[in-house]
Amino acid sequence: MIQLDLNETEKTYLIEALESYLSDLRYEIGDTDSQDFRDRLKAKKTALEKTLTALQQTGS
């Protein structure tokens, strides 16, 4: 397990960046013709969503 020490501002910026990237990634998955590439993008999306959820659940 990796531990990351962020202040509230850094945490907020990271959450915003992940939300933005995930939004773009959803469109990319939908526009991808290659099943192999789509599967890799879906795996990336799942991992990043898990990271985002963990960040959102951490206290101040």
PDB file of N, CA and C in Angstrom:
ATOM      1  N   MET A   1       0.839  -1.177   0.000  1.00  0.00           N
ATOM      2  CA  MET A   1       0.000   0.000   0.000  1.00  0.00           C
ATOM      3  C   MET A   1       0.884   1.239   0.000  1.00  0.00           C
ATOM      4  N   ILE A   2       0.437   2.236  -0.750  1.00  0.00           N
ATOM      5  CA  ILE A   2       1.152   3.498  -0.823  1.00  0.00           C
ATOM      6  C   ILE A   2       0.384   4.535  -0.017  1.00  0.00           C
ATOM      7  N   GLN A   3       1.111   5.317   0.746  1.00  0.00           N
ATOM      8  CA  GLN A   3       0.492   6.393   1.509  1.00  0.00           C
ATOM      9  C   GLN A   3       0.950   7.714   0.925  1.00  0.00           C
ATOM     10  N   LEU A   4       0.020   8.605   0.767  1.00  0.00           N
ATOM     11  CA  LEU A   4       0.295   9.898   0.170  1.00  0.00           C
ATOM     12  C   LEU A   4      -0.156  10.976   1.146  1.00  0.00           C
ATOM     13  N   ASP A   5       0.738  11.886   1.492  1.00  0.00           N
ATOM     14  CA  ASP A   5       0.390  12.982   2.396  1.00  0.00           C
ATOM     15  C   ASP A   5       0.105  14.237   1.578  1.00  0.00           C
ATOM     16  N   LEU A   6      -1.165  14.647   1.577  1.00  0.00           N
ATOM     17  CA  LEU A   6      -1.584  15.828   0.827  1.00  0.00           C
ATOM     18  C   LEU A   6      -2.270  16.810   1.767  1.00  0.00           C
ATOM     19  N   ASN A   7      -2.047  18.093   1.535  1.00  0.00           N
ATOM     20  CA  ASN A   7      -2.844  19.067   2.266  1.00  0.00           C
ATOM     21  C   ASN A   7      -4.203  19.165   1.566  1.00  0.00           C
ATOM     22  N   GLU A   8      -5.130  19.917   2.154  1.00  0.00           N
ATOM     23  CA  GLU A   8      -6.493  19.977   1.603  1.00  0.00           C
ATOM     24  C   GLU A   8      -6.521  20.535   0.180  1.00  0.00           C
ATOM     25  N   THR A   9      -5.700  21.518  -0.091  1.00  0.00           N
ATOM     26  CA  THR A   9      -5.655  22.104  -1.432  1.00  0.00           C
ATOM     27  C   THR A   9      -5.170  21.077  -2.449  1.00  0.00           C
ATOM     28  N   GLU A  10      -4.102  20.382  -2.129  1.00  0.00           N
ATOM     29  CA  GLU A  10      -3.573  19.354  -3.024  1.00  0.00           C
ATOM     30  C   GLU A  10      -4.600  18.243  -3.246  1.00  0.00           C
ATOM     31  N   LYS A  11      -5.262  17.850  -2.178  1.00  0.00           N
ATOM     32  CA  LYS A  11      -6.297  16.811  -2.275  1.00  0.00           C
ATOM     33  C   LYS A  11      -7.417  17.267  -3.204  1.00  0.00           C
ATOM     34  N   THR A  12      -7.855  18.505  -3.033  1.00  0.00           N
ATOM     35  CA  THR A  12      -8.923  19.052  -3.873  1.00  0.00           C
ATOM     36  C   THR A  12      -8.513  19.071  -5.337  1.00  0.00           C
ATOM     37  N   TYR A  13      -7.295  19.516  -5.608  1.00  0.00           N
ATOM     38  CA  TYR A  13      -6.812  19.572  -6.992  1.00  0.00           C
ATOM     39  C   TYR A  13      -6.710  18.174  -7.599  1.00  0.00           C
ATOM     40  N   LEU A  14      -6.253  17.217  -6.824  1.00  0.00           N
ATOM     41  CA  LEU A  14      -6.131  15.851  -7.326  1.00  0.00           C
ATOM     42  C   LEU A  14      -7.508  15.258  -7.618  1.00  0.00           C
ATOM     43  N   ILE A  15      -8.463  15.495  -6.752  1.00  0.00           N
ATOM     44  CA  ILE A  15      -9.830  15.023  -6.986  1.00  0.00           C
ATOM     45  C   ILE A  15     -10.392  15.654  -8.261  1.00  0.00           C
ATOM     46  N   GLU A  16     -10.208  16.949  -8.416  1.00  0.00           N
ATOM     47  CA  GLU A  16     -10.698  17.639  -9.614  1.00  0.00           C
ATOM     48  C   GLU A  16     -10.044  17.087 -10.879  1.00  0.00           C
ATOM     49  N   ALA A  17      -8.750  16.828 -10.818  1.00  0.00           N
ATOM     50  CA  ALA A  17      -8.032  16.299 -11.981  1.00  0.00           C
ATOM     51  C   ALA A  17      -8.533  14.903 -12.333  1.00  0.00           C
ATOM     52  N   LEU A  18      -8.733  14.060 -11.322  1.00  0.00           N
ATOM     53  CA  LEU A  18      -9.230  12.709 -11.579  1.00  0.00           C
ATOM     54  C   LEU A  18     -10.641  12.744 -12.154  1.00  0.00           C
ATOM     55  N   GLU A  19     -11.498  13.587 -11.613  1.00  0.00           N
ATOM     56  CA  GLU A  19     -12.869  13.692 -12.125  1.00  0.00           C
ATOM     57  C   GLU A  19     -12.870  14.133 -13.591  1.00  0.00           C
ATOM     58  N   SER A  20     -12.042  15.099 -13.919  1.00  0.00           N
ATOM     59  CA  SER A  20     -11.952  15.588 -15.286  1.00  0.00           C
ATOM     60  C   SER A  20     -11.427  14.506 -16.226  1.00  0.00           C
ATOM     61  N   TYR A  21     -10.357  13.847 -15.804  1.00  0.00           N
ATOM     62  CA  TYR A  21      -9.770  12.803 -16.639  1.00  0.00           C
ATOM     63  C   TYR A  21     -10.745  11.643 -16.838  1.00  0.00           C
ATOM     64  N   LEU A  22     -11.446  11.255 -15.774  1.00  0.00           N
ATOM     65  CA  LEU A  22     -12.406  10.159 -15.885  1.00  0.00           C
ATOM     66  C   LEU A  22     -13.539  10.510 -16.838  1.00  0.00           C
ATOM     67  N   SER A  23     -13.966  11.745 -16.823  1.00  0.00           N
ATOM     68  CA  SER A  23     -15.006  12.188 -17.744  1.00  0.00           C
ATOM     69  C   SER A  23     -14.535  12.033 -19.193  1.00  0.00           C
ATOM     70  N   ASP A  24     -13.326  12.487 -19.465  1.00  0.00           N
ATOM     71  CA  ASP A  24     -12.750  12.347 -20.806  1.00  0.00           C
ATOM     72  C   ASP A  24     -12.547  10.879 -21.168  1.00  0.00           C
ATOM     73  N   LEU A  25     -12.136  10.087 -20.208  1.00  0.00           N
ATOM     74  CA  LEU A  25     -11.861   8.671 -20.448  1.00  0.00           C
ATOM     75  C   LEU A  25     -13.133   7.929 -20.856  1.00  0.00           C
ATOM     76  N   ARG A  26     -14.270   8.286 -20.283  1.00  0.00           N
ATOM     77  CA  ARG A  26     -15.542   7.649 -20.650  1.00  0.00           C
ATOM     78  C   ARG A  26     -15.838   7.857 -22.129  1.00  0.00           C
ATOM     79  N   TYR A  27     -15.600   9.057 -22.629  1.00  0.00           N
ATOM     80  CA  TYR A  27     -15.804   9.329 -24.052  1.00  0.00           C
ATOM     81  C   TYR A  27     -14.812   8.544 -24.908  1.00  0.00           C
ATOM     82  N   GLU A  28     -13.577   8.484 -24.465  1.00  0.00           N
ATOM     83  CA  GLU A  28     -12.557   7.761 -25.215  1.00  0.00           C
ATOM     84  C   GLU A  28     -12.907   6.279 -25.313  1.00  0.00           C
ATOM     85  N   ILE A  29     -13.401   5.707 -24.224  1.00  0.00           N
ATOM     86  CA  ILE A  29     -13.802   4.298 -24.233  1.00  0.00           C
ATOM     87  C   ILE A  29     -14.910   4.090 -25.266  1.00  0.00           C
ATOM     88  N   GLY A  30     -15.884   5.002 -25.278  1.00  0.00           N
ATOM     89  CA  GLY A  30     -16.993   4.880 -26.212  1.00  0.00           C
ATOM     90  C   GLY A  30     -16.592   5.039 -27.664  1.00  0.00           C
ATOM     91  N   ASP A  31     -15.546   5.791 -27.924  1.00  0.00           N
ATOM     92  CA  ASP A  31     -15.108   6.043 -29.298  1.00  0.00           C
ATOM     93  C   ASP A  31     -14.043   5.080 -29.794  1.00  0.00           C
ATOM     94  N   THR A  32     -13.642   4.138 -28.957  1.00  0.00           N
ATOM     95  CA  THR A  32     -12.550   3.237 -29.313  1.00  0.00           C
ATOM     96  C   THR A  32     -13.093   2.002 -30.037  1.00  0.00           C
ATOM     97  N   ASP A  33     -12.500   1.698 -31.185  1.00  0.00           N
ATOM     98  CA  ASP A  33     -12.934   0.542 -31.973  1.00  0.00           C
ATOM     99  C   ASP A  33     -12.245  -0.751 -31.541  1.00  0.00           C
ATOM    100  N   SER A  34     -11.023  -0.661 -31.083  1.00  0.00           N
ATOM    101  CA  SER A  34     -10.251  -1.839 -30.704  1.00  0.00           C
ATOM    102  C   SER A  34     -10.713  -2.377 -29.349  1.00  0.00           C
ATOM    103  N   GLN A  35     -11.171  -3.620 -29.337  1.00  0.00           N
ATOM    104  CA  GLN A  35     -11.655  -4.223 -28.089  1.00  0.00           C
ATOM    105  C   GLN A  35     -10.542  -4.333 -27.054  1.00  0.00           C
ATOM    106  N   ASP A  36      -9.336  -4.685 -27.508  1.00  0.00           N
ATOM    107  CA  ASP A  36      -8.208  -4.802 -26.584  1.00  0.00           C
ATOM    108  C   ASP A  36      -7.897  -3.459 -25.918  1.00  0.00           C
ATOM    109  N   PHE A  37      -7.859  -2.406 -26.725  1.00  0.00           N
ATOM    110  CA  PHE A  37      -7.583  -1.081 -26.187  1.00  0.00           C
ATOM    111  C   PHE A  37      -8.712  -0.633 -25.265  1.00  0.00           C
ATOM    112  N   ARG A  38      -9.953  -0.917 -25.662  1.00  0.00           N
ATOM    113  CA  ARG A  38     -11.112  -0.560 -24.831  1.00  0.00           C
ATOM    114  C   ARG A  38     -11.028  -1.249 -23.469  1.00  0.00           C
ATOM    115  N   ASP A  39     -10.637  -2.521 -23.465  1.00  0.00           N
ATOM    116  CA  ASP A  39     -10.508  -3.262 -22.207  1.00  0.00           C
ATOM    117  C   ASP A  39      -9.437  -2.648 -21.305  1.00  0.00           C
ATOM    118  N   ARG A  40      -8.334  -2.214 -21.899  1.00  0.00           N
ATOM    119  CA  ARG A  40      -7.284  -1.569 -21.106  1.00  0.00           C
ATOM    120  C   ARG A  40      -7.757  -0.237 -20.548  1.00  0.00           C
ATOM    121  N   LEU A  41      -8.506   0.515 -21.344  1.00  0.00           N
ATOM    122  CA  LEU A  41      -9.041   1.784 -20.863  1.00  0.00           C
ATOM    123  C   LEU A  41     -10.045   1.561 -19.736  1.00  0.00           C
ATOM    124  N   LYS A  42     -10.857   0.524 -19.849  1.00  0.00           N
ATOM    125  CA  LYS A  42     -11.823   0.214 -18.784  1.00  0.00           C
ATOM    126  C   LYS A  42     -11.111  -0.170 -17.494  1.00  0.00           C
ATOM    127  N   ALA A  43     -10.017  -0.904 -17.609  1.00  0.00           N
ATOM    128  CA  ALA A  43      -9.236  -1.277 -16.424  1.00  0.00           C
ATOM    129  C   ALA A  43      -8.634  -0.033 -15.779  1.00  0.00           C
ATOM    130  N   LYS A  44      -8.144   0.879 -16.607  1.00  0.00           N
ATOM    131  CA  LYS A  44      -7.596   2.137 -16.095  1.00  0.00           C
ATOM    132  C   LYS A  44      -8.696   2.937 -15.396  1.00  0.00           C
ATOM    133  N   LYS A  45      -9.876   3.002 -16.009  1.00  0.00           N
ATOM    134  CA  LYS A  45     -11.008   3.728 -15.432  1.00  0.00           C
ATOM    135  C   LYS A  45     -11.380   3.156 -14.074  1.00  0.00           C
ATOM    136  N   THR A  46     -11.435   1.851 -13.961  1.00  0.00           N
ATOM    137  CA  THR A  46     -11.782   1.203 -12.703  1.00  0.00           C
ATOM    138  C   THR A  46     -10.770   1.547 -11.610  1.00  0.00           C
ATOM    139  N   ALA A  47      -9.491   1.483 -11.944  1.00  0.00           N
ATOM    140  CA  ALA A  47      -8.444   1.782 -10.967  1.00  0.00           C
ATOM    141  C   ALA A  47      -8.508   3.247 -10.523  1.00  0.00           C
ATOM    142  N   LEU A  48      -8.733   4.150 -11.466  1.00  0.00           N
ATOM    143  CA  LEU A  48      -8.789   5.565 -11.125  1.00  0.00           C
ATOM    144  C   LEU A  48     -10.054   5.903 -10.334  1.00  0.00           C
ATOM    145  N   GLU A  49     -11.160   5.239 -10.631  1.00  0.00           N
ATOM    146  CA  GLU A  49     -12.378   5.443  -9.850  1.00  0.00           C
ATOM    147  C   GLU A  49     -12.180   4.981  -8.403  1.00  0.00           C
ATOM    148  N   LYS A  50     -11.466   3.889  -8.231  1.00  0.00           N
ATOM    149  CA  LYS A  50     -11.169   3.394  -6.880  1.00  0.00           C
ATOM    150  C   LYS A  50     -10.307   4.411  -6.129  1.00  0.00           C
ATOM    151  N   THR A  51      -9.337   4.971  -6.812  1.00  0.00           N
ATOM    152  CA  THR A  51      -8.471   5.989  -6.212  1.00  0.00           C
ATOM    153  C   THR A  51      -9.272   7.232  -5.850  1.00  0.00           C
ATOM    154  N   LEU A  52     -10.143   7.660  -6.748  1.00  0.00           N
ATOM    155  CA  LEU A  52     -10.976   8.830  -6.497  1.00  0.00           C
ATOM    156  C   LEU A  52     -11.878   8.611  -5.297  1.00  0.00           C
ATOM    157  N   THR A  53     -12.504   7.452  -5.218  1.00  0.00           N
ATOM    158  CA  THR A  53     -13.372   7.133  -4.093  1.00  0.00           C
ATOM    159  C   THR A  53     -12.606   7.174  -2.779  1.00  0.00           C
ATOM    160  N   ALA A  54     -11.405   6.607  -2.767  1.00  0.00           N
ATOM    161  CA  ALA A  54     -10.586   6.600  -1.559  1.00  0.00           C
ATOM    162  C   ALA A  54     -10.249   8.028  -1.131  1.00  0.00           C
ATOM    163  N   LEU A  55      -9.907   8.876  -2.098  1.00  0.00           N
ATOM    164  CA  LEU A  55      -9.593  10.279  -1.777  1.00  0.00           C
ATOM    165  C   LEU A  55     -10.805  11.001  -1.218  1.00  0.00           C
ATOM    166  N   GLN A  56     -11.954  10.758  -1.804  1.00  0.00           N
ATOM    167  CA  GLN A  56     -13.169  11.443  -1.367  1.00  0.00           C
ATOM    168  C   GLN A  56     -13.598  11.004   0.019  1.00  0.00           C
ATOM    169  N   GLN A  57     -13.236   9.804   0.417  1.00  0.00           N
ATOM    170  CA  GLN A  57     -13.648   9.275   1.718  1.00  0.00           C
ATOM    171  C   GLN A  57     -12.681   9.625   2.841  1.00  0.00           C
ATOM    172  N   THR A  58     -11.535  10.183   2.508  1.00  0.00           N
ATOM    173  CA  THR A  58     -10.582  10.537   3.546  1.00  0.00           C
ATOM    174  C   THR A  58     -11.037  11.790   4.261  1.00  0.00           C
ATOM    175  N   GLY A  59     -10.764  11.842   5.541  1.00  0.00           N
ATOM    176  CA  GLY A  59     -11.141  13.008   6.343  1.00  0.00           C
ATOM    177  C   GLY A  59     -10.228  14.183   6.091  1.00  0.00           C
ATOM    178  N   SER A  60     -10.542  15.264   6.731  1.00  0.00           N
ATOM    179  CA  SER A  60      -9.749  16.482   6.564  1.00  0.00           C
ATOM    180  C   SER A  60      -8.375  16.364   7.184  1.00  0.00           C
TER     181      SER A  60
END
